[in-house]
Amino acid sequence: MSLKPGATGTPASDAGKPDFSNVRSGVSSTEAPAGGRPDFSNVQSSVSSTEETVGATHYTVKPGDTLSHIAQAQYGQASGWRRIFDANRDQLDDPDRIQPGQTLKIPAAAREDDGTTTSPHGDRQ
């Protein structure tokens, strides 16, 4: 390393460059420090639909009822149980676990002739 004449300890290649060897840094904030973890205990969620339930009715489950029995009574065919189950996913996780006293939505049955719907009681919509 070579020094310029009269320089003390500064290499000639660094001559004219600023010396930042004593620069210090730090970070501070004017915001109050957080007092622990955030409280999410009152957070609630819900699901809603904008789909209309035109022609739908409601049915209160009685002891001994099954979705197949309800579908047979409402639609005339036991195979319609899945339609009832799908319409009530907000309260049913298992189609075999309906409880007496539950109120189920009974969606309108699809007609096979012209694609319109009819209520479970035969009223055309």
N, C-alpha and C. Protein backbone atom coordinates (compact mmCIF):
# COMPACT_ATOMS: atom_id res chain seq x y z
N MET A 1 0.85 -1.15 0.00
CA MET A 1 0.00 0.00 0.00
C MET A 1 0.90 1.22 0.00
N SER A 2 0.59 2.18 -0.86
CA SER A 2 1.43 3.39 -0.93
C SER A 2 0.66 4.58 -0.40
N LEU A 3 1.38 5.50 0.29
CA LEU A 3 0.77 6.69 0.86
C LEU A 3 1.25 7.92 0.11
N LYS A 4 0.38 8.92 0.02
CA LYS A 4 0.77 10.18 -0.57
C LYS A 4 1.70 10.88 0.40
N PRO A 5 2.58 11.71 -0.11
CA PRO A 5 3.45 12.45 0.80
C PRO A 5 2.63 13.33 1.72
N GLY A 6 2.90 13.30 3.01
CA GLY A 6 2.23 14.12 4.00
C GLY A 6 0.98 13.46 4.58
N ALA A 7 0.51 12.34 4.00
CA ALA A 7 -0.68 11.66 4.52
C ALA A 7 -0.27 10.69 5.59
N THR A 8 -1.15 10.50 6.52
CA THR A 8 -0.81 9.57 7.59
C THR A 8 -1.81 8.42 7.60
N GLY A 9 -1.42 7.27 7.21
CA GLY A 9 -2.22 6.08 7.27
C GLY A 9 -3.32 5.95 6.24
N THR A 10 -3.44 6.80 5.24
CA THR A 10 -4.46 6.71 4.21
C THR A 10 -3.82 6.28 2.91
N PRO A 11 -4.23 5.18 2.34
CA PRO A 11 -3.63 4.74 1.08
C PRO A 11 -3.91 5.76 -0.02
N ALA A 12 -3.04 5.81 -1.01
CA ALA A 12 -3.17 6.76 -2.12
C ALA A 12 -4.41 6.48 -2.93
N SER A 13 -4.86 5.20 -3.02
CA SER A 13 -6.04 4.88 -3.82
C SER A 13 -7.33 5.41 -3.18
N ASP A 14 -7.34 5.70 -1.85
CA ASP A 14 -8.50 6.21 -1.15
C ASP A 14 -8.48 7.73 -0.99
N ALA A 15 -7.47 8.37 -1.55
CA ALA A 15 -7.35 9.82 -1.39
C ALA A 15 -8.54 10.53 -2.01
N GLY A 16 -9.12 11.48 -1.30
CA GLY A 16 -10.24 12.27 -1.78
C GLY A 16 -11.60 11.65 -1.51
N LYS A 17 -11.64 10.44 -0.98
CA LYS A 17 -12.92 9.80 -0.67
C LYS A 17 -13.30 10.14 0.77
N PRO A 18 -14.59 10.32 1.04
CA PRO A 18 -15.02 10.62 2.41
C PRO A 18 -14.80 9.42 3.32
N ASP A 19 -14.55 9.70 4.58
CA ASP A 19 -14.31 8.67 5.58
C ASP A 19 -15.59 8.47 6.40
N PHE A 20 -16.22 7.31 6.26
CA PHE A 20 -17.45 6.99 6.98
C PHE A 20 -17.21 5.95 8.07
N SER A 21 -16.02 5.77 8.50
CA SER A 21 -15.70 4.73 9.46
C SER A 21 -16.34 4.95 10.83
N ASN A 22 -16.72 6.17 11.18
CA ASN A 22 -17.32 6.45 12.48
C ASN A 22 -18.83 6.63 12.42
N VAL A 23 -19.45 6.33 11.29
CA VAL A 23 -20.90 6.51 11.14
C VAL A 23 -21.62 5.40 11.88
N ARG A 24 -22.65 5.76 12.62
CA ARG A 24 -23.48 4.82 13.36
C ARG A 24 -24.93 4.96 12.87
N SER A 25 -25.72 3.88 12.98
CA SER A 25 -27.13 3.95 12.57
C SER A 25 -28.02 3.41 13.67
N GLY A 26 -29.30 3.73 13.59
CA GLY A 26 -30.28 3.26 14.56
C GLY A 26 -31.68 3.47 14.01
N VAL A 27 -32.66 2.81 14.63
CA VAL A 27 -34.05 2.92 14.20
C VAL A 27 -34.91 3.22 15.42
N SER A 28 -35.84 4.14 15.25
CA SER A 28 -36.78 4.42 16.32
C SER A 28 -38.14 4.72 15.69
N SER A 29 -39.19 4.65 16.51
CA SER A 29 -40.54 4.88 16.02
C SER A 29 -41.28 5.77 17.00
N THR A 30 -42.23 6.53 16.48
CA THR A 30 -43.07 7.36 17.34
C THR A 30 -44.33 6.61 17.72
N GLU A 31 -44.56 5.43 17.15
CA GLU A 31 -45.75 4.63 17.47
C GLU A 31 -45.56 3.95 18.81
N ALA A 32 -46.64 3.90 19.58
CA ALA A 32 -46.57 3.25 20.90
C ALA A 32 -46.31 1.77 20.72
N PRO A 33 -45.51 1.18 21.57
CA PRO A 33 -45.22 -0.25 21.45
C PRO A 33 -46.48 -1.08 21.68
N ALA A 34 -46.60 -2.19 20.94
CA ALA A 34 -47.75 -3.08 21.07
C ALA A 34 -47.71 -3.76 22.44
N GLY A 35 -48.87 -3.88 23.06
CA GLY A 35 -48.95 -4.49 24.38
C GLY A 35 -49.34 -5.95 24.31
N GLY A 36 -48.53 -6.80 23.78
CA GLY A 36 -48.84 -8.23 23.72
C GLY A 36 -49.40 -8.62 22.37
N ARG A 37 -50.13 -9.72 22.38
CA ARG A 37 -50.69 -10.26 21.14
C ARG A 37 -52.04 -9.62 20.82
N PRO A 38 -52.39 -9.54 19.54
CA PRO A 38 -53.71 -9.00 19.18
C PRO A 38 -54.82 -9.91 19.70
N ASP A 39 -55.96 -9.32 20.03
CA ASP A 39 -57.10 -10.07 20.55
C ASP A 39 -58.12 -10.30 19.44
N PHE A 40 -58.25 -11.55 19.01
CA PHE A 40 -59.21 -11.90 17.97
C PHE A 40 -60.37 -12.71 18.56
N SER A 41 -60.59 -12.64 19.87
CA SER A 41 -61.60 -13.48 20.51
C SER A 41 -63.03 -13.14 20.08
N ASN A 42 -63.29 -11.94 19.59
CA ASN A 42 -64.64 -11.58 19.20
C ASN A 42 -64.87 -11.66 17.69
N VAL A 43 -63.95 -12.25 16.95
CA VAL A 43 -64.10 -12.39 15.50
C VAL A 43 -65.12 -13.48 15.21
N GLN A 44 -66.06 -13.19 14.32
CA GLN A 44 -67.09 -14.15 13.95
C GLN A 44 -67.13 -14.26 12.44
N SER A 45 -67.54 -15.43 11.96
CA SER A 45 -67.68 -15.60 10.52
C SER A 45 -69.06 -16.16 10.22
N SER A 46 -69.51 -15.93 9.00
CA SER A 46 -70.79 -16.49 8.58
C SER A 46 -70.77 -16.61 7.06
N VAL A 47 -71.69 -17.38 6.57
CA VAL A 47 -71.81 -17.58 5.13
C VAL A 47 -73.25 -17.31 4.76
N SER A 48 -73.44 -16.55 3.69
CA SER A 48 -74.79 -16.31 3.21
C SER A 48 -74.78 -16.42 1.69
N SER A 49 -75.94 -16.57 1.14
CA SER A 49 -76.06 -16.73 -0.30
C SER A 49 -77.04 -15.72 -0.85
N THR A 50 -76.80 -15.29 -2.07
CA THR A 50 -77.74 -14.39 -2.73
C THR A 50 -78.70 -15.20 -3.60
N GLU A 51 -78.51 -16.52 -3.64
CA GLU A 51 -79.39 -17.38 -4.42
C GLU A 51 -80.78 -17.39 -3.80
N GLU A 52 -81.77 -17.23 -4.64
CA GLU A 52 -83.14 -17.25 -4.16
C GLU A 52 -83.59 -18.69 -3.94
N THR A 53 -84.43 -18.87 -2.99
CA THR A 53 -85.01 -20.19 -2.76
C THR A 53 -86.47 -20.14 -3.19
N VAL A 54 -86.68 -19.85 -4.47
CA VAL A 54 -88.01 -19.74 -5.04
C VAL A 54 -88.69 -21.11 -4.97
N GLY A 55 -89.86 -21.15 -4.42
CA GLY A 55 -90.61 -22.38 -4.36
C GLY A 55 -90.18 -23.30 -3.22
N ALA A 56 -89.19 -22.92 -2.46
CA ALA A 56 -88.73 -23.76 -1.37
C ALA A 56 -89.71 -23.68 -0.20
N THR A 57 -89.78 -24.78 0.53
CA THR A 57 -90.59 -24.82 1.74
C THR A 57 -89.69 -25.30 2.87
N HIS A 58 -90.24 -25.42 4.03
CA HIS A 58 -89.48 -25.90 5.18
C HIS A 58 -90.19 -27.12 5.78
N TYR A 59 -89.40 -27.97 6.39
CA TYR A 59 -89.93 -29.18 7.00
C TYR A 59 -89.26 -29.38 8.35
N THR A 60 -90.04 -29.65 9.38
CA THR A 60 -89.49 -29.92 10.71
C THR A 60 -89.36 -31.43 10.87
N VAL A 61 -88.14 -31.87 11.15
CA VAL A 61 -87.82 -33.29 11.27
C VAL A 61 -88.55 -33.89 12.47
N LYS A 62 -89.14 -35.05 12.24
CA LYS A 62 -89.85 -35.80 13.30
C LYS A 62 -89.03 -37.03 13.67
N PRO A 63 -89.24 -37.59 14.86
CA PRO A 63 -88.51 -38.80 15.24
C PRO A 63 -88.72 -39.91 14.20
N GLY A 64 -87.63 -40.56 13.82
CA GLY A 64 -87.69 -41.65 12.83
C GLY A 64 -87.53 -41.19 11.39
N ASP A 65 -87.55 -39.87 11.13
CA ASP A 65 -87.38 -39.37 9.76
C ASP A 65 -85.97 -39.62 9.24
N THR A 66 -85.87 -39.84 7.95
CA THR A 66 -84.59 -39.86 7.23
C THR A 66 -84.75 -38.93 6.05
N LEU A 67 -83.64 -38.52 5.46
CA LEU A 67 -83.73 -37.65 4.28
C LEU A 67 -84.45 -38.37 3.14
N SER A 68 -84.24 -39.68 3.03
CA SER A 68 -84.93 -40.45 1.98
C SER A 68 -86.44 -40.45 2.20
N HIS A 69 -86.87 -40.63 3.46
CA HIS A 69 -88.31 -40.60 3.75
C HIS A 69 -88.90 -39.23 3.46
N ILE A 70 -88.17 -38.19 3.83
CA ILE A 70 -88.65 -36.82 3.59
C ILE A 70 -88.73 -36.55 2.09
N ALA A 71 -87.71 -36.99 1.34
CA ALA A 71 -87.71 -36.80 -0.11
C ALA A 71 -88.87 -37.56 -0.76
N GLN A 72 -89.13 -38.77 -0.29
CA GLN A 72 -90.25 -39.55 -0.83
C GLN A 72 -91.56 -38.82 -0.60
N ALA A 73 -91.74 -38.27 0.60
CA ALA A 73 -92.97 -37.56 0.91
C ALA A 73 -93.10 -36.24 0.15
N GLN A 74 -91.98 -35.54 -0.06
CA GLN A 74 -92.02 -34.22 -0.68
C GLN A 74 -91.96 -34.28 -2.21
N TYR A 75 -91.16 -35.20 -2.75
CA TYR A 75 -90.93 -35.25 -4.20
C TYR A 75 -91.55 -36.47 -4.87
N GLY A 76 -91.95 -37.47 -4.06
CA GLY A 76 -92.48 -38.69 -4.65
C GLY A 76 -91.39 -39.68 -5.01
N GLN A 77 -90.14 -39.39 -4.65
CA GLN A 77 -89.05 -40.32 -4.91
C GLN A 77 -87.96 -40.14 -3.85
N ALA A 78 -87.56 -41.25 -3.25
CA ALA A 78 -86.57 -41.22 -2.18
C ALA A 78 -85.21 -40.74 -2.65
N SER A 79 -84.93 -40.88 -3.94
CA SER A 79 -83.62 -40.49 -4.48
C SER A 79 -83.40 -38.97 -4.43
N GLY A 80 -84.41 -38.20 -4.11
CA GLY A 80 -84.26 -36.75 -3.99
C GLY A 80 -83.63 -36.30 -2.69
N TRP A 81 -83.21 -37.26 -1.83
CA TRP A 81 -82.62 -36.91 -0.53
C TRP A 81 -81.40 -36.02 -0.67
N ARG A 82 -80.58 -36.24 -1.72
CA ARG A 82 -79.35 -35.45 -1.88
C ARG A 82 -79.68 -33.97 -2.13
N ARG A 83 -80.75 -33.71 -2.83
CA ARG A 83 -81.17 -32.32 -3.09
C ARG A 83 -81.47 -31.61 -1.76
N ILE A 84 -82.15 -32.32 -0.85
CA ILE A 84 -82.46 -31.76 0.46
C ILE A 84 -81.17 -31.59 1.27
N PHE A 85 -80.30 -32.59 1.22
CA PHE A 85 -79.03 -32.52 1.95
C PHE A 85 -78.19 -31.34 1.47
N ASP A 86 -78.05 -31.17 0.16
CA ASP A 86 -77.26 -30.07 -0.41
C ASP A 86 -77.83 -28.71 -0.03
N ALA A 87 -79.15 -28.60 0.05
CA ALA A 87 -79.78 -27.32 0.39
C ALA A 87 -79.58 -26.97 1.87
N ASN A 88 -79.19 -27.97 2.67
CA ASN A 88 -79.06 -27.76 4.12
C ASN A 88 -77.64 -27.99 4.62
N ARG A 89 -76.65 -27.83 3.75
CA ARG A 89 -75.25 -28.02 4.14
C ARG A 89 -74.82 -27.08 5.26
N ASP A 90 -75.52 -25.98 5.42
CA ASP A 90 -75.17 -25.04 6.48
C ASP A 90 -75.44 -25.63 7.87
N GLN A 91 -76.30 -26.64 7.95
CA GLN A 91 -76.59 -27.24 9.25
C GLN A 91 -76.39 -28.76 9.28
N LEU A 92 -76.12 -29.37 8.13
CA LEU A 92 -75.91 -30.82 8.08
C LEU A 92 -74.52 -31.14 7.55
N ASP A 93 -73.80 -31.98 8.29
CA ASP A 93 -72.50 -32.47 7.83
C ASP A 93 -72.60 -33.90 7.33
N ASP A 94 -73.60 -34.62 7.82
CA ASP A 94 -73.76 -36.03 7.52
C ASP A 94 -75.25 -36.27 7.23
N PRO A 95 -75.58 -36.83 6.07
CA PRO A 95 -77.00 -37.02 5.74
C PRO A 95 -77.70 -38.02 6.66
N ASP A 96 -76.95 -38.83 7.37
CA ASP A 96 -77.54 -39.80 8.28
C ASP A 96 -77.73 -39.26 9.70
N ARG A 97 -77.42 -37.99 9.92
CA ARG A 97 -77.50 -37.43 11.27
C ARG A 97 -78.42 -36.22 11.33
N ILE A 98 -79.67 -36.42 10.94
CA ILE A 98 -80.65 -35.36 11.12
C ILE A 98 -81.30 -35.59 12.48
N GLN A 99 -81.73 -34.52 13.11
CA GLN A 99 -82.26 -34.59 14.47
C GLN A 99 -83.71 -34.13 14.51
N PRO A 100 -84.54 -34.80 15.29
CA PRO A 100 -85.92 -34.32 15.46
C PRO A 100 -85.91 -32.87 15.95
N GLY A 101 -86.79 -32.08 15.37
CA GLY A 101 -86.87 -30.66 15.72
C GLY A 101 -86.12 -29.76 14.76
N GLN A 102 -85.17 -30.31 13.98
CA GLN A 102 -84.46 -29.48 12.99
C GLN A 102 -85.44 -29.03 11.92
N THR A 103 -85.26 -27.81 11.45
CA THR A 103 -86.06 -27.31 10.35
C THR A 103 -85.20 -27.31 9.10
N LEU A 104 -85.61 -28.09 8.11
CA LEU A 104 -84.85 -28.23 6.87
C LEU A 104 -85.52 -27.46 5.74
N LYS A 105 -84.70 -26.89 4.87
CA LYS A 105 -85.21 -26.26 3.66
C LYS A 105 -85.49 -27.38 2.66
N ILE A 106 -86.63 -27.34 2.03
CA ILE A 106 -86.98 -28.31 1.00
C ILE A 106 -87.03 -27.53 -0.32
N PRO A 107 -85.99 -27.66 -1.16
CA PRO A 107 -85.98 -26.90 -2.41
C PRO A 107 -87.07 -27.40 -3.37
N ALA A 108 -87.46 -26.51 -4.25
CA ALA A 108 -88.47 -26.88 -5.24
C ALA A 108 -87.95 -28.01 -6.11
N ALA A 109 -88.83 -28.90 -6.49
CA ALA A 109 -88.45 -30.02 -7.35
C ALA A 109 -88.37 -29.54 -8.79
N ALA A 110 -87.39 -30.05 -9.52
CA ALA A 110 -87.26 -29.72 -10.94
C ALA A 110 -88.24 -30.57 -11.73
N ARG A 111 -88.94 -29.94 -12.65
CA ARG A 111 -89.88 -30.67 -13.50
C ARG A 111 -89.11 -31.26 -14.66
N GLU A 112 -89.53 -32.40 -15.13
CA GLU A 112 -88.83 -33.05 -16.23
C GLU A 112 -89.35 -32.62 -17.59
N ASP A 113 -90.57 -32.06 -17.67
CA ASP A 113 -91.15 -31.76 -18.96
C ASP A 113 -90.61 -30.48 -19.60
N ASP A 114 -90.67 -29.35 -18.92
CA ASP A 114 -90.23 -28.10 -19.55
C ASP A 114 -89.15 -27.36 -18.77
N GLY A 115 -88.57 -28.00 -17.76
CA GLY A 115 -87.45 -27.40 -17.04
C GLY A 115 -87.83 -26.39 -15.99
N THR A 116 -89.12 -26.06 -15.84
CA THR A 116 -89.49 -25.12 -14.78
C THR A 116 -89.55 -25.89 -13.46
N THR A 117 -89.74 -25.18 -12.39
CA THR A 117 -89.78 -25.84 -11.09
C THR A 117 -91.19 -25.86 -10.56
N THR A 118 -91.40 -26.74 -9.64
CA THR A 118 -92.69 -26.82 -8.96
C THR A 118 -92.41 -26.94 -7.47
N SER A 119 -93.30 -26.43 -6.67
CA SER A 119 -93.10 -26.55 -5.23
C SER A 119 -93.35 -28.00 -4.84
N PRO A 120 -92.90 -28.41 -3.65
CA PRO A 120 -93.14 -29.79 -3.23
C PRO A 120 -94.62 -30.16 -3.17
N HIS A 121 -95.50 -29.17 -3.19
CA HIS A 121 -96.93 -29.41 -3.10
C HIS A 121 -97.60 -29.41 -4.48
N GLY A 122 -96.80 -29.33 -5.54
CA GLY A 122 -97.34 -29.39 -6.89
C GLY A 122 -97.69 -28.04 -7.50
N ASP A 123 -97.49 -26.95 -6.78
CA ASP A 123 -97.79 -25.62 -7.32
C ASP A 123 -96.68 -25.22 -8.29
N ARG A 124 -97.07 -24.89 -9.50
CA ARG A 124 -96.09 -24.53 -10.51
C ARG A 124 -95.55 -23.13 -10.24
N GLN A 125 -94.23 -22.97 -10.38
CA GLN A 125 -93.58 -21.68 -10.14
C GLN A 125 -93.24 -21.02 -11.46
